[in-house]
């Protein structure tokens, strides 16, 4: 996921149970120790940091050590161009999962419909962007999802 951080672009990617973040060519590892009511305890390259986060869905305000920054999502899904992010297929808008056509471990072909969503009385087909295998399935039929929520993770 790419996020505009003040005037810089921050890229955050899942890395197992943790994350890697890259800004200005420097990459750090991030581990979420705990999160509760707008407070996140993190280990950033082994250093403990507490961040306070609030959101209005489009923007997030993050305060660390008394300094507040505004984060704005800039991923392709927000622009409606693609539905992939960090190896996962994401929801282009809030909606409900109507059907899931694959299971973990299934081999899929580019263009194959993996699941169908309903949003604003429209049917949205989430399709494989390339040949691969389903690594993880994060939703089930009937589940309500938010915009940019990861639905399915793919691997080559």
N, C-alpha and C. Protein backbone atom coordinates (compact mmCIF):
# COMPACT_ATOMS: atom_id res chain seq x y z
N UNK A 1 0.86 -1.17 0.00
CA UNK A 1 0.00 0.00 0.00
C UNK A 1 0.90 1.22 0.00
N UNK A 2 0.60 2.17 -0.86
CA UNK A 2 1.34 3.43 -0.89
C UNK A 2 0.51 4.49 -0.21
N UNK A 3 1.19 5.29 0.63
CA UNK A 3 0.53 6.34 1.40
C UNK A 3 1.35 7.61 1.26
N UNK A 4 0.68 8.73 1.04
CA UNK A 4 1.37 10.01 1.05
C UNK A 4 1.50 10.45 2.50
N UNK A 5 2.72 10.68 2.92
CA UNK A 5 3.06 11.05 4.29
C UNK A 5 3.66 12.44 4.24
N UNK A 6 2.82 13.45 4.56
CA UNK A 6 3.20 14.84 4.34
C UNK A 6 3.53 14.99 2.85
N UNK A 7 4.80 15.19 2.48
CA UNK A 7 5.16 15.33 1.08
C UNK A 7 5.89 14.11 0.55
N UNK A 8 6.07 13.07 1.37
CA UNK A 8 6.78 11.87 0.98
C UNK A 8 5.80 10.72 0.73
N UNK A 9 6.26 9.75 -0.06
CA UNK A 9 5.46 8.56 -0.27
C UNK A 9 6.03 7.43 0.57
N UNK A 10 5.17 6.81 1.33
CA UNK A 10 5.53 5.70 2.21
C UNK A 10 4.89 4.45 1.64
N UNK A 11 5.66 3.40 1.43
CA UNK A 11 5.12 2.14 0.94
C UNK A 11 5.20 1.12 2.05
N UNK A 12 4.05 0.52 2.40
CA UNK A 12 3.97 -0.47 3.46
C UNK A 12 3.52 -1.79 2.85
N UNK A 13 4.27 -2.85 3.14
CA UNK A 13 3.95 -4.17 2.59
C UNK A 13 3.96 -5.22 3.70
N UNK A 14 3.00 -6.16 3.65
CA UNK A 14 3.01 -7.26 4.61
C UNK A 14 4.25 -8.12 4.42
N UNK A 15 4.80 -8.61 5.50
CA UNK A 15 5.99 -9.46 5.47
C UNK A 15 5.77 -10.54 6.53
N UNK A 16 5.03 -11.59 6.18
CA UNK A 16 4.64 -12.59 7.17
C UNK A 16 3.66 -11.96 8.14
N UNK A 17 3.94 -12.03 9.45
CA UNK A 17 3.09 -11.42 10.47
C UNK A 17 3.46 -9.96 10.70
N UNK A 18 4.53 -9.48 10.07
CA UNK A 18 5.01 -8.12 10.26
C UNK A 18 4.85 -7.32 8.98
N UNK A 19 5.49 -6.17 8.91
CA UNK A 19 5.42 -5.30 7.75
C UNK A 19 6.80 -4.75 7.46
N UNK A 20 7.01 -4.35 6.20
CA UNK A 20 8.19 -3.57 5.86
C UNK A 20 7.68 -2.24 5.32
N UNK A 21 8.38 -1.18 5.65
CA UNK A 21 8.00 0.15 5.19
C UNK A 21 9.22 0.78 4.52
N UNK A 22 8.97 1.42 3.37
CA UNK A 22 10.05 2.08 2.64
C UNK A 22 9.69 3.53 2.42
N UNK A 23 10.60 4.42 2.80
CA UNK A 23 10.45 5.85 2.55
C UNK A 23 11.83 6.41 2.23
N UNK A 24 11.93 7.20 1.18
CA UNK A 24 13.20 7.77 0.74
C UNK A 24 14.27 6.71 0.54
N UNK A 25 13.89 5.54 0.03
CA UNK A 25 14.85 4.48 -0.25
C UNK A 25 15.30 3.69 0.96
N UNK A 26 14.85 4.07 2.16
CA UNK A 26 15.24 3.35 3.38
C UNK A 26 14.09 2.43 3.79
N UNK A 27 14.42 1.17 4.06
CA UNK A 27 13.41 0.19 4.45
C UNK A 27 13.61 -0.19 5.92
N UNK A 28 12.50 -0.21 6.66
CA UNK A 28 12.52 -0.63 8.06
C UNK A 28 11.51 -1.74 8.26
N UNK A 29 11.73 -2.55 9.30
CA UNK A 29 10.76 -3.59 9.64
C UNK A 29 9.86 -3.07 10.75
N UNK A 30 8.57 -3.42 10.66
CA UNK A 30 7.59 -2.97 11.64
C UNK A 30 6.83 -4.18 12.16
N UNK A 31 6.76 -4.28 13.49
CA UNK A 31 5.98 -5.33 14.13
C UNK A 31 4.94 -4.64 15.01
N UNK A 32 3.67 -5.03 14.84
CA UNK A 32 2.60 -4.49 15.69
C UNK A 32 2.56 -5.34 16.95
N UNK A 33 2.85 -4.73 18.10
CA UNK A 33 2.84 -5.44 19.37
C UNK A 33 1.42 -5.48 19.93
N UNK A 34 0.72 -4.37 19.80
CA UNK A 34 -0.65 -4.30 20.29
C UNK A 34 -1.35 -3.09 19.72
N UNK A 35 -2.67 -3.20 19.61
CA UNK A 35 -3.47 -2.09 19.09
C UNK A 35 -4.80 -2.09 19.83
N UNK A 36 -5.18 -0.91 20.33
CA UNK A 36 -6.43 -0.80 21.07
C UNK A 36 -6.88 0.65 21.11
N UNK A 37 -8.14 0.89 20.72
CA UNK A 37 -8.75 2.22 20.82
C UNK A 37 -7.88 3.34 20.29
N UNK A 38 -7.37 3.21 19.06
CA UNK A 38 -6.60 4.27 18.44
C UNK A 38 -5.14 4.33 18.85
N UNK A 39 -4.70 3.40 19.68
CA UNK A 39 -3.30 3.36 20.11
C UNK A 39 -2.65 2.12 19.53
N UNK A 40 -1.46 2.29 18.95
CA UNK A 40 -0.71 1.15 18.40
C UNK A 40 0.68 1.14 19.02
N UNK A 41 1.04 0.00 19.57
CA UNK A 41 2.40 -0.19 20.06
C UNK A 41 3.16 -0.97 19.01
N UNK A 42 4.26 -0.39 18.55
CA UNK A 42 5.02 -0.94 17.43
C UNK A 42 6.47 -1.17 17.83
N UNK A 43 7.11 -2.10 17.12
CA UNK A 43 8.57 -2.23 17.15
C UNK A 43 9.04 -1.87 15.75
N UNK A 44 9.75 -0.75 15.63
CA UNK A 44 10.27 -0.30 14.34
C UNK A 44 11.77 -0.51 14.37
N UNK A 45 12.24 -1.48 13.59
CA UNK A 45 13.65 -1.90 13.63
C UNK A 45 14.11 -2.16 15.05
N UNK A 46 13.24 -2.80 15.85
CA UNK A 46 13.59 -3.18 17.22
C UNK A 46 13.36 -2.10 18.27
N UNK A 47 13.00 -0.88 17.86
CA UNK A 47 12.77 0.21 18.81
C UNK A 47 11.27 0.32 19.06
N UNK A 48 10.86 0.33 20.35
CA UNK A 48 9.45 0.42 20.71
C UNK A 48 8.94 1.85 20.50
N UNK A 49 7.81 1.96 19.79
CA UNK A 49 7.21 3.25 19.48
C UNK A 49 5.70 3.14 19.71
N UNK A 50 5.11 4.17 20.31
CA UNK A 50 3.66 4.22 20.48
C UNK A 50 3.11 5.26 19.52
N UNK A 51 2.12 4.85 18.74
CA UNK A 51 1.48 5.75 17.78
C UNK A 51 0.01 5.85 18.12
N UNK A 52 -0.54 7.04 17.98
CA UNK A 52 -1.97 7.27 18.20
C UNK A 52 -2.57 7.60 16.84
N UNK A 53 -3.62 6.87 16.48
CA UNK A 53 -4.18 6.97 15.14
C UNK A 53 -5.67 7.30 15.21
N UNK A 54 -6.10 8.26 14.37
CA UNK A 54 -7.53 8.52 14.19
C UNK A 54 -7.77 8.63 12.69
N UNK A 55 -9.02 8.38 12.26
CA UNK A 55 -9.30 8.28 10.84
C UNK A 55 -10.70 8.77 10.52
N UNK A 56 -10.84 9.28 9.29
CA UNK A 56 -12.17 9.59 8.75
C UNK A 56 -12.41 8.76 7.49
N UNK A 57 -11.73 7.63 7.37
CA UNK A 57 -11.76 6.67 6.26
C UNK A 57 -10.88 7.11 5.08
N UNK A 58 -10.86 8.36 4.71
CA UNK A 58 -10.02 8.81 3.60
C UNK A 58 -8.63 9.20 4.09
N UNK A 59 -8.55 9.76 5.28
CA UNK A 59 -7.28 10.22 5.83
C UNK A 59 -7.10 9.63 7.22
N UNK A 60 -5.83 9.51 7.61
CA UNK A 60 -5.50 9.06 8.96
C UNK A 60 -4.53 10.07 9.56
N UNK A 61 -4.74 10.38 10.82
CA UNK A 61 -3.84 11.25 11.55
C UNK A 61 -3.06 10.36 12.50
N UNK A 62 -1.73 10.42 12.40
CA UNK A 62 -0.86 9.59 13.23
C UNK A 62 0.01 10.51 14.06
N UNK A 63 0.00 10.29 15.38
CA UNK A 63 0.82 11.08 16.29
C UNK A 63 1.85 10.18 16.94
N UNK A 64 3.12 10.54 16.77
CA UNK A 64 4.24 9.82 17.38
C UNK A 64 5.15 10.87 17.99
N UNK A 65 5.47 10.69 19.26
CA UNK A 65 6.34 11.63 19.99
C UNK A 65 5.88 13.07 19.87
N UNK A 66 4.57 13.31 19.92
CA UNK A 66 4.02 14.65 19.89
C UNK A 66 3.94 15.28 18.51
N UNK A 67 4.37 14.56 17.47
CA UNK A 67 4.33 15.08 16.11
C UNK A 67 3.20 14.38 15.36
N UNK A 68 2.27 15.14 14.79
CA UNK A 68 1.13 14.58 14.07
C UNK A 68 1.31 14.75 12.57
N UNK A 69 1.07 13.67 11.83
CA UNK A 69 1.13 13.69 10.37
C UNK A 69 -0.18 13.17 9.82
N UNK A 70 -0.53 13.63 8.63
CA UNK A 70 -1.73 13.17 7.95
C UNK A 70 -1.30 12.18 6.88
N UNK A 71 -1.92 11.00 6.89
CA UNK A 71 -1.64 9.98 5.88
C UNK A 71 -2.84 9.91 4.94
N UNK A 72 -2.58 9.88 3.65
CA UNK A 72 -3.63 9.77 2.65
C UNK A 72 -3.31 8.58 1.77
N UNK A 73 -4.25 7.64 1.61
CA UNK A 73 -4.02 6.47 0.78
C UNK A 73 -3.90 6.89 -0.68
N UNK A 74 -2.94 6.27 -1.37
CA UNK A 74 -2.76 6.55 -2.78
C UNK A 74 -2.68 5.27 -3.59
N UNK A 75 -3.27 4.19 -3.10
CA UNK A 75 -3.18 2.91 -3.81
C UNK A 75 -4.03 2.93 -5.07
N UNK A 76 -3.72 2.04 -6.00
CA UNK A 76 -4.45 1.94 -7.26
C UNK A 76 -5.93 1.66 -7.06
N UNK A 77 -6.29 0.89 -6.03
CA UNK A 77 -7.70 0.55 -5.82
C UNK A 77 -8.53 1.79 -5.55
N UNK A 78 -7.95 2.77 -4.91
CA UNK A 78 -8.69 3.99 -4.62
C UNK A 78 -9.06 4.70 -5.92
N UNK A 79 -8.19 4.61 -6.91
CA UNK A 79 -8.47 5.25 -8.20
C UNK A 79 -9.32 4.36 -9.08
N UNK A 80 -9.63 3.14 -8.61
CA UNK A 80 -10.47 2.24 -9.38
C UNK A 80 -9.76 1.57 -10.55
N UNK A 81 -8.44 1.57 -10.55
CA UNK A 81 -7.70 1.03 -11.67
C UNK A 81 -7.42 -0.46 -11.50
N UNK A 82 -6.93 -0.86 -10.37
CA UNK A 82 -6.58 -2.26 -10.13
C UNK A 82 -7.12 -2.70 -8.79
N UNK A 83 -7.18 -4.01 -8.61
CA UNK A 83 -7.66 -4.56 -7.35
C UNK A 83 -6.59 -5.38 -6.67
N UNK A 84 -5.31 -5.12 -6.98
CA UNK A 84 -4.25 -5.89 -6.34
C UNK A 84 -3.41 -4.98 -5.47
N UNK A 85 -2.83 -5.58 -4.43
CA UNK A 85 -2.02 -4.82 -3.50
C UNK A 85 -1.19 -5.80 -2.71
N UNK A 86 0.11 -5.70 -2.79
CA UNK A 86 1.04 -6.52 -2.02
C UNK A 86 0.70 -8.01 -2.13
N UNK A 87 0.41 -8.48 -3.34
CA UNK A 87 0.12 -9.89 -3.54
C UNK A 87 -1.30 -10.29 -3.21
N UNK A 88 -2.12 -9.32 -2.83
CA UNK A 88 -3.50 -9.64 -2.48
C UNK A 88 -4.48 -8.94 -3.40
N UNK A 89 -5.66 -9.50 -3.51
CA UNK A 89 -6.74 -8.86 -4.26
C UNK A 89 -7.62 -8.17 -3.24
N UNK A 90 -7.95 -6.91 -3.47
CA UNK A 90 -8.67 -6.12 -2.48
C UNK A 90 -10.02 -5.65 -2.99
N UNK A 91 -10.89 -5.31 -2.07
CA UNK A 91 -12.22 -4.82 -2.40
C UNK A 91 -12.12 -3.40 -2.96
N UNK A 92 -12.70 -3.15 -4.13
CA UNK A 92 -12.63 -1.81 -4.71
C UNK A 92 -13.56 -0.82 -4.02
N UNK A 93 -14.55 -1.32 -3.27
CA UNK A 93 -15.49 -0.47 -2.54
C UNK A 93 -16.16 -1.32 -1.47
N UNK A 94 -16.82 -0.69 -0.50
CA UNK A 94 -17.54 -1.48 0.50
C UNK A 94 -18.64 -2.30 -0.16
N UNK A 95 -18.89 -3.49 0.35
CA UNK A 95 -19.94 -4.33 -0.22
C UNK A 95 -20.06 -5.64 0.51
N UNK A 96 -20.78 -6.57 -0.11
CA UNK A 96 -21.00 -7.87 0.49
C UNK A 96 -20.52 -8.95 -0.48
N UNK A 97 -19.83 -9.95 0.07
CA UNK A 97 -19.36 -11.07 -0.74
C UNK A 97 -20.56 -11.96 -1.06
N UNK A 98 -20.87 -12.12 -2.34
CA UNK A 98 -22.01 -12.93 -2.76
C UNK A 98 -21.62 -14.38 -3.01
N UNK A 99 -20.42 -14.61 -3.57
CA UNK A 99 -19.97 -15.98 -3.80
C UNK A 99 -18.45 -16.03 -3.84
N UNK A 100 -17.91 -17.17 -3.41
CA UNK A 100 -16.47 -17.41 -3.46
C UNK A 100 -16.28 -18.66 -4.31
N UNK A 101 -15.51 -18.54 -5.38
CA UNK A 101 -15.38 -19.63 -6.36
C UNK A 101 -14.10 -20.44 -6.22
N UNK A 102 -13.23 -20.09 -5.26
CA UNK A 102 -11.94 -20.77 -5.10
C UNK A 102 -11.70 -21.12 -3.64
N UNK A 103 -10.72 -21.98 -3.43
CA UNK A 103 -10.28 -22.36 -2.09
C UNK A 103 -8.77 -22.18 -2.00
N UNK A 104 -8.24 -22.16 -0.79
CA UNK A 104 -6.80 -22.05 -0.60
C UNK A 104 -6.12 -23.23 -1.30
N UNK A 105 -5.06 -22.93 -2.06
CA UNK A 105 -4.32 -23.95 -2.77
C UNK A 105 -4.74 -24.13 -4.22
N UNK A 106 -5.89 -23.58 -4.61
CA UNK A 106 -6.37 -23.72 -5.99
C UNK A 106 -5.45 -22.97 -6.95
N UNK A 107 -5.17 -23.60 -8.09
CA UNK A 107 -4.45 -22.94 -9.18
C UNK A 107 -5.49 -22.15 -9.98
N UNK A 108 -5.14 -20.90 -10.33
CA UNK A 108 -6.07 -20.07 -11.09
C UNK A 108 -5.38 -19.49 -12.31
N UNK A 109 -6.17 -19.15 -13.30
CA UNK A 109 -5.68 -18.56 -14.54
C UNK A 109 -6.05 -17.08 -14.60
N UNK A 110 -5.25 -16.30 -15.27
CA UNK A 110 -5.52 -14.88 -15.46
C UNK A 110 -6.94 -14.70 -16.01
N UNK A 111 -7.71 -13.79 -15.39
CA UNK A 111 -9.06 -13.50 -15.84
C UNK A 111 -10.14 -14.35 -15.19
N UNK A 112 -9.74 -15.41 -14.46
CA UNK A 112 -10.71 -16.28 -13.80
C UNK A 112 -11.39 -15.52 -12.66
N UNK A 113 -12.71 -15.63 -12.55
CA UNK A 113 -13.44 -14.99 -11.46
C UNK A 113 -13.20 -15.79 -10.18
N UNK A 114 -12.70 -15.10 -9.15
CA UNK A 114 -12.37 -15.74 -7.88
C UNK A 114 -13.49 -15.57 -6.87
N UNK A 115 -14.13 -14.40 -6.90
CA UNK A 115 -15.29 -14.16 -6.04
C UNK A 115 -16.13 -13.06 -6.64
N UNK A 116 -17.36 -12.99 -6.17
CA UNK A 116 -18.29 -11.97 -6.65
C UNK A 116 -18.78 -11.17 -5.45
N UNK A 117 -18.79 -9.86 -5.60
CA UNK A 117 -19.28 -8.95 -4.56
C UNK A 117 -20.50 -8.21 -5.09
N UNK A 118 -21.29 -7.71 -4.16
CA UNK A 118 -22.37 -6.80 -4.51
C UNK A 118 -22.13 -5.50 -3.76
N UNK A 119 -22.15 -4.40 -4.48
CA UNK A 119 -21.95 -3.08 -3.89
C UNK A 119 -22.82 -2.08 -4.64
N UNK A 120 -23.61 -1.34 -3.93
CA UNK A 120 -24.48 -0.33 -4.52
C UNK A 120 -25.33 -0.92 -5.66
N UNK A 121 -25.86 -2.12 -5.42
CA UNK A 121 -26.73 -2.84 -6.36
C UNK A 121 -26.02 -3.21 -7.66
N UNK A 122 -24.67 -3.27 -7.61
CA UNK A 122 -23.88 -3.70 -8.76
C UNK A 122 -23.18 -5.00 -8.40
N UNK A 123 -22.98 -5.85 -9.39
CA UNK A 123 -22.20 -7.06 -9.21
C UNK A 123 -20.76 -6.76 -9.62
N UNK A 124 -19.83 -7.07 -8.74
CA UNK A 124 -18.41 -6.82 -9.02
C UNK A 124 -17.70 -8.17 -8.98
N UNK A 125 -17.05 -8.51 -10.09
CA UNK A 125 -16.30 -9.76 -10.14
C UNK A 125 -14.83 -9.46 -9.84
N UNK A 126 -14.29 -10.13 -8.85
CA UNK A 126 -12.86 -10.01 -8.53
C UNK A 126 -12.18 -11.15 -9.27
N UNK A 127 -11.29 -10.78 -10.20
CA UNK A 127 -10.67 -11.76 -11.09
C UNK A 127 -9.17 -11.81 -10.88
N UNK A 128 -8.60 -12.96 -11.17
CA UNK A 128 -7.15 -13.14 -11.09
C UNK A 128 -6.48 -12.24 -12.13
N UNK A 129 -5.48 -11.50 -11.71
CA UNK A 129 -4.77 -10.59 -12.62
C UNK A 129 -3.66 -11.31 -13.38
N UNK A 130 -3.31 -12.51 -12.89
CA UNK A 130 -2.30 -13.34 -13.57
C UNK A 130 -2.46 -14.77 -13.09
N UNK A 131 -1.82 -15.69 -13.77
CA UNK A 131 -1.83 -17.09 -13.35
C UNK A 131 -1.17 -17.19 -11.98
N UNK A 132 -1.67 -18.07 -11.14
CA UNK A 132 -1.07 -18.25 -9.82
C UNK A 132 -1.83 -19.26 -8.99
N UNK A 133 -1.64 -19.15 -7.69
CA UNK A 133 -2.26 -20.07 -6.74
C UNK A 133 -2.83 -19.24 -5.59
N UNK A 134 -3.97 -19.66 -5.06
CA UNK A 134 -4.59 -18.97 -3.93
C UNK A 134 -3.80 -19.31 -2.67
N UNK A 135 -3.16 -18.32 -2.07
CA UNK A 135 -2.36 -18.52 -0.86
C UNK A 135 -3.20 -18.39 0.40
N UNK A 136 -4.17 -17.46 0.39
CA UNK A 136 -5.03 -17.25 1.58
C UNK A 136 -6.35 -16.65 1.12
N UNK A 137 -7.40 -17.04 1.81
CA UNK A 137 -8.74 -16.55 1.54
C UNK A 137 -9.22 -15.87 2.83
N UNK A 138 -9.46 -14.55 2.76
CA UNK A 138 -9.77 -13.77 3.96
C UNK A 138 -11.25 -13.47 4.14
N UNK A 139 -12.10 -13.95 3.23
CA UNK A 139 -13.53 -13.66 3.30
C UNK A 139 -14.34 -14.91 3.02
N UNK A 140 -15.62 -14.84 3.37
CA UNK A 140 -16.55 -15.94 3.10
C UNK A 140 -17.83 -15.36 2.52
N UNK A 141 -18.61 -16.21 1.89
CA UNK A 141 -19.89 -15.78 1.32
C UNK A 141 -20.75 -15.14 2.41
N UNK A 142 -21.36 -14.00 2.07
CA UNK A 142 -22.23 -13.28 3.00
C UNK A 142 -21.53 -12.25 3.85
N UNK A 143 -20.20 -12.26 3.86
CA UNK A 143 -19.43 -11.33 4.68
C UNK A 143 -19.45 -9.93 4.08
N UNK A 144 -19.57 -8.92 4.94
CA UNK A 144 -19.49 -7.52 4.51
C UNK A 144 -18.03 -7.09 4.59
N UNK A 145 -17.57 -6.38 3.55
CA UNK A 145 -16.18 -5.95 3.48
C UNK A 145 -16.10 -4.44 3.28
N UNK A 146 -14.99 -3.86 3.67
CA UNK A 146 -14.72 -2.44 3.51
C UNK A 146 -13.86 -2.22 2.28
N UNK A 147 -13.85 -1.00 1.76
CA UNK A 147 -12.99 -0.66 0.63
C UNK A 147 -11.54 -0.92 1.00
N UNK A 148 -10.80 -1.51 0.08
CA UNK A 148 -9.38 -1.82 0.20
C UNK A 148 -9.07 -2.91 1.22
N UNK A 149 -10.09 -3.66 1.68
CA UNK A 149 -9.86 -4.81 2.54
C UNK A 149 -9.30 -5.94 1.67
N UNK A 150 -8.27 -6.63 2.16
CA UNK A 150 -7.72 -7.75 1.40
C UNK A 150 -8.71 -8.90 1.41
N UNK A 151 -9.03 -9.40 0.22
CA UNK A 151 -10.00 -10.48 0.06
C UNK A 151 -9.28 -11.82 -0.10
N UNK A 152 -8.34 -11.85 -1.03
CA UNK A 152 -7.62 -13.08 -1.38
C UNK A 152 -6.15 -12.73 -1.58
N UNK A 153 -5.27 -13.59 -1.07
CA UNK A 153 -3.84 -13.43 -1.32
C UNK A 153 -3.42 -14.46 -2.33
N UNK A 154 -2.64 -14.02 -3.31
CA UNK A 154 -2.18 -14.87 -4.40
C UNK A 154 -0.68 -15.05 -4.33
N UNK A 155 -0.22 -16.17 -4.89
CA UNK A 155 1.22 -16.41 -5.05
C UNK A 155 1.43 -16.98 -6.44
N UNK A 156 2.65 -16.82 -6.94
CA UNK A 156 2.94 -17.33 -8.30
C UNK A 156 3.24 -18.80 -8.27
